[in-house]
C-alpha cells in the first residue's frame, strides 16, 4: 500500500509563499502522473496542479502563473511551489496519483495552508 505524506503547510500572509512537499512510498514513483488537490471548508476537493511522468504540467485557472509543480524522482517527492498567495488559497492540500486513486490507495493526511493577515 502506497503511503503519501504531505508537509510544508502553515499560516502565511497574503502575497507570501510556501512550498509543499509530498513523499510517496513507491519504488515506481517516476512513472506516475502526480496531482495536487485542495479542499476548502464546505467545498469539494479540486485539482490544483498536475505533472506527468514526462514533466508536462497543467494548472487550475485559479492558480496559473502563481503555483508550480516540480518533482524529484530521486527523492520520490512532488512539490507545490505557491507564490503570491491569496486568502482564497486557504485549504487542506493533498497529493495523489490518478492511477493510485483508481486502485483505491489511501489519501494522506494533507497539509493545512492558511492565508490570512
C-alpha atoms as a PDB file:
ATOM      1  CA  UNK A   1       0.000   0.000   0.000  1.00  0.00           C
ATOM      2  CA  UNK A   2       1.486   3.314  -1.082  1.00  0.00           C
ATOM      3  CA  UNK A   3       1.718   5.908   1.661  1.00  0.00           C
ATOM      4  CA  UNK A   4       1.568   9.614   0.920  1.00  0.00           C
ATOM      5  CA  UNK A   5       2.937  12.181   3.343  1.00  0.00           C
ATOM      6  CA  UNK A   6       2.308  15.858   2.712  1.00  0.00           C
ATOM      7  CA  UNK A   7       4.100  18.630   4.577  1.00  0.00           C
ATOM      8  CA  UNK A   8       5.052  22.274   4.377  1.00  0.00           C
ATOM      9  CA  UNK A   9       1.773  23.987   5.105  1.00  0.00           C
ATOM     10  CA  UNK A  10       1.276  26.788   7.560  1.00  0.00           C
ATOM     11  CA  UNK A  11      -0.001  30.286   8.138  1.00  0.00           C
ATOM     12  CA  UNK A  12       1.170  32.892   5.653  1.00  0.00           C
ATOM     13  CA  UNK A  13       0.190  36.467   4.873  1.00  0.00           C
ATOM     14  CA  UNK A  14      -1.398  37.371   1.551  1.00  0.00           C
ATOM     15  CA  UNK A  15       1.282  37.728  -1.085  1.00  0.00           C
ATOM     16  CA  UNK A  16       3.541  35.255   0.654  1.00  0.00           C
ATOM     17  CA  UNK A  17       4.943  31.925  -0.500  1.00  0.00           C
ATOM     18  CA  UNK A  18       5.005  28.336   0.661  1.00  0.00           C
ATOM     19  CA  UNK A  19       6.465  25.135  -0.722  1.00  0.00           C
ATOM     20  CA  UNK A  20       4.564  21.957  -0.065  1.00  0.00           C
ATOM     21  CA  UNK A  21       6.162  18.533  -0.292  1.00  0.00           C
ATOM     22  CA  UNK A  22       4.650  15.115  -0.860  1.00  0.00           C
ATOM     23  CA  UNK A  23       6.688  11.972  -0.380  1.00  0.00           C
ATOM     24  CA  UNK A  24       5.304   8.730  -1.789  1.00  0.00           C
ATOM     25  CA  UNK A  25       6.410   5.300  -0.643  1.00  0.00           C
ATOM     26  CA  UNK A  26       6.581   3.610  -4.017  1.00  0.00           C
ATOM     27  CA  UNK A  27       9.531   2.303  -5.984  1.00  0.00           C
ATOM     28  CA  UNK A  28       7.920   3.339  -9.254  1.00  0.00           C
ATOM     29  CA  UNK A  29       7.261   6.964  -8.355  1.00  0.00           C
ATOM     30  CA  UNK A  30       8.761   8.173 -11.603  1.00  0.00           C
ATOM     31  CA  UNK A  31       6.202   6.551 -13.889  1.00  0.00           C
ATOM     32  CA  UNK A  32       3.198   8.153 -12.265  1.00  0.00           C
ATOM     33  CA  UNK A  33       1.388  11.355 -13.007  1.00  0.00           C
ATOM     34  CA  UNK A  34       1.012  13.315  -9.788  1.00  0.00           C
ATOM     35  CA  UNK A  35      -1.619  15.831  -8.812  1.00  0.00           C
ATOM     36  CA  UNK A  36      -2.000  18.323  -6.035  1.00  0.00           C
ATOM     37  CA  UNK A  37      -5.540  18.805  -4.785  1.00  0.00           C
ATOM     38  CA  UNK A  38      -7.071  21.117  -2.226  1.00  0.00           C
ATOM     39  CA  UNK A  39     -10.236  21.166  -0.214  1.00  0.00           C
ATOM     40  CA  UNK A  40     -11.549  24.265   1.489  1.00  0.00           C
ATOM     41  CA  UNK A  41     -14.176  24.062   4.239  1.00  0.00           C
ATOM     42  CA  UNK A  42     -17.605  23.387   2.779  1.00  0.00           C
ATOM     43  CA  UNK A  43     -16.241  22.901  -0.731  1.00  0.00           C
ATOM     44  CA  UNK A  44     -15.444  19.932  -2.912  1.00  0.00           C
ATOM     45  CA  UNK A  45     -11.891  18.760  -3.436  1.00  0.00           C
ATOM     46  CA  UNK A  46     -10.412  20.312  -6.550  1.00  0.00           C
ATOM     47  CA  UNK A  47      -7.354  19.587  -8.656  1.00  0.00           C
ATOM     48  CA  UNK A  48      -4.818  22.381  -8.424  1.00  0.00           C
ATOM     49  CA  UNK A  49      -1.852  21.152 -10.457  1.00  0.00           C
ATOM     50  CA  UNK A  50      -0.687  18.121 -12.411  1.00  0.00           C
ATOM     51  CA  UNK A  51       2.689  16.851 -13.544  1.00  0.00           C
ATOM     52  CA  UNK A  52       3.086  13.862 -15.842  1.00  0.00           C
ATOM     53  CA  UNK A  53       5.912  11.357 -15.879  1.00  0.00           C
ATOM     54  CA  UNK A  54       7.351  13.298 -18.791  1.00  0.00           C
ATOM     55  CA  UNK A  55       7.293  16.562 -16.903  1.00  0.00           C
ATOM     56  CA  UNK A  56       4.302  18.148 -18.604  1.00  0.00           C
ATOM     57  CA  UNK A  57       2.303  20.342 -16.259  1.00  0.00           C
ATOM     58  CA  UNK A  58      -1.209  21.704 -16.038  1.00  0.00           C
ATOM     59  CA  UNK A  59      -2.757  24.152 -13.608  1.00  0.00           C
ATOM     60  CA  UNK A  60      -6.174  25.234 -12.500  1.00  0.00           C
ATOM     61  CA  UNK A  61      -7.007  28.673 -13.822  1.00  0.00           C
ATOM     62  CA  UNK A  62      -7.193  29.998 -10.277  1.00  0.00           C
ATOM     63  CA  UNK A  63      -3.506  29.263  -9.617  1.00  0.00           C
ATOM     64  CA  UNK A  64      -1.974  29.610 -13.077  1.00  0.00           C
ATOM     65  CA  UNK A  65       1.055  31.876 -13.005  1.00  0.00           C
ATOM     66  CA  UNK A  66       1.353  31.628  -9.207  1.00  0.00           C
ATOM     67  CA  UNK A  67       1.879  27.910  -8.496  1.00  0.00           C
ATOM     68  CA  UNK A  68       4.327  25.413  -9.964  1.00  0.00           C
ATOM     69  CA  UNK A  69       4.574  21.639  -9.504  1.00  0.00           C
ATOM     70  CA  UNK A  70       8.145  20.358  -9.746  1.00  0.00           C
ATOM     71  CA  UNK A  71       9.037  16.759  -8.992  1.00  0.00           C
ATOM     72  CA  UNK A  72      12.184  14.995  -7.857  1.00  0.00           C
ATOM     73  CA  UNK A  73      12.021  11.345  -8.861  1.00  0.00           C
ATOM     74  CA  UNK A  74      15.219  10.530  -6.985  1.00  0.00           C
ATOM     75  CA  UNK A  75      13.529  11.609  -3.758  1.00  0.00           C
ATOM     76  CA  UNK A  76      10.064  10.212  -4.557  1.00  0.00           C
ATOM     77  CA  UNK A  77       8.797  13.723  -3.971  1.00  0.00           C
ATOM     78  CA  UNK A  78       6.448  16.090  -5.718  1.00  0.00           C
ATOM     79  CA  UNK A  79       6.331  19.717  -4.650  1.00  0.00           C
ATOM     80  CA  UNK A  80       3.868  22.549  -4.916  1.00  0.00           C
ATOM     81  CA  UNK A  81       5.554  25.939  -5.001  1.00  0.00           C
ATOM     82  CA  UNK A  82       2.943  28.522  -4.150  1.00  0.00           C
ATOM     83  CA  UNK A  83       3.657  32.210  -4.675  1.00  0.00           C
ATOM     84  CA  UNK A  84       1.511  35.329  -4.397  1.00  0.00           C
ATOM     85  CA  UNK A  85      -0.836  33.509  -2.069  1.00  0.00           C
ATOM     86  CA  UNK A  86      -4.379  34.758  -1.639  1.00  0.00           C
ATOM     87  CA  UNK A  87      -6.901  34.168   1.160  1.00  0.00           C
ATOM     88  CA  UNK A  88      -8.916  32.010  -1.250  1.00  0.00           C
ATOM     89  CA  UNK A  89      -5.979  29.588  -1.418  1.00  0.00           C
ATOM     90  CA  UNK A  90      -6.734  28.596   2.169  1.00  0.00           C
ATOM     91  CA  UNK A  91      -7.438  24.863   2.200  1.00  0.00           C
ATOM     92  CA  UNK A  92      -6.066  21.467   3.092  1.00  0.00           C
ATOM     93  CA  UNK A  93      -3.725  20.377   0.322  1.00  0.00           C
ATOM     94  CA  UNK A  94      -3.254  16.758  -0.736  1.00  0.00           C
ATOM     95  CA  UNK A  95      -1.205  14.955  -3.336  1.00  0.00           C
ATOM     96  CA  UNK A  96      -2.149  11.773  -5.160  1.00  0.00           C
ATOM     97  CA  UNK A  97      -1.791   9.965  -8.437  1.00  0.00           C
ATOM     98  CA  UNK A  98      -4.784   9.213 -10.684  1.00  0.00           C
ATOM     99  CA  UNK A  99      -3.524   5.665 -11.195  1.00  0.00           C
ATOM    100  CA  UNK A 100      -3.275   5.092  -7.455  1.00  0.00           C
ATOM    101  CA  UNK A 101      -6.687   6.642  -6.844  1.00  0.00           C
ATOM    102  CA  UNK A 102      -8.120   4.121  -9.306  1.00  0.00           C
ATOM    103  CA  UNK A 103      -6.653   1.326  -7.176  1.00  0.00           C
ATOM    104  CA  UNK A 104      -8.291   2.832  -4.079  1.00  0.00           C
ATOM    105  CA  UNK A 105      -4.985   3.797  -2.493  1.00  0.00           C
ATOM    106  CA  UNK A 106      -5.473   5.861   0.631  1.00  0.00           C
ATOM    107  CA  UNK A 107      -5.117   9.599   0.757  1.00  0.00           C
ATOM    108  CA  UNK A 108      -2.552  11.176   3.013  1.00  0.00           C
ATOM    109  CA  UNK A 109      -3.408  13.420   5.928  1.00  0.00           C
ATOM    110  CA  UNK A 110      -2.931  16.554   3.875  1.00  0.00           C
ATOM    111  CA  UNK A 111      -1.296  19.784   4.954  1.00  0.00           C
ATOM    112  CA  UNK A 112      -3.194  22.887   6.022  1.00  0.00           C
ATOM    113  CA  UNK A 113      -2.484  26.152   4.253  1.00  0.00           C
ATOM    114  CA  UNK A 114      -3.984  29.289   5.753  1.00  0.00           C
ATOM    115  CA  UNK A 115      -3.561  32.642   4.037  1.00  0.00           C
ATOM    116  CA  UNK A 116      -4.521  35.452   6.323  1.00  0.00           C
ATOM    117  CA  UNK A 117      -3.286  38.781   7.599  1.00  0.00           C
END
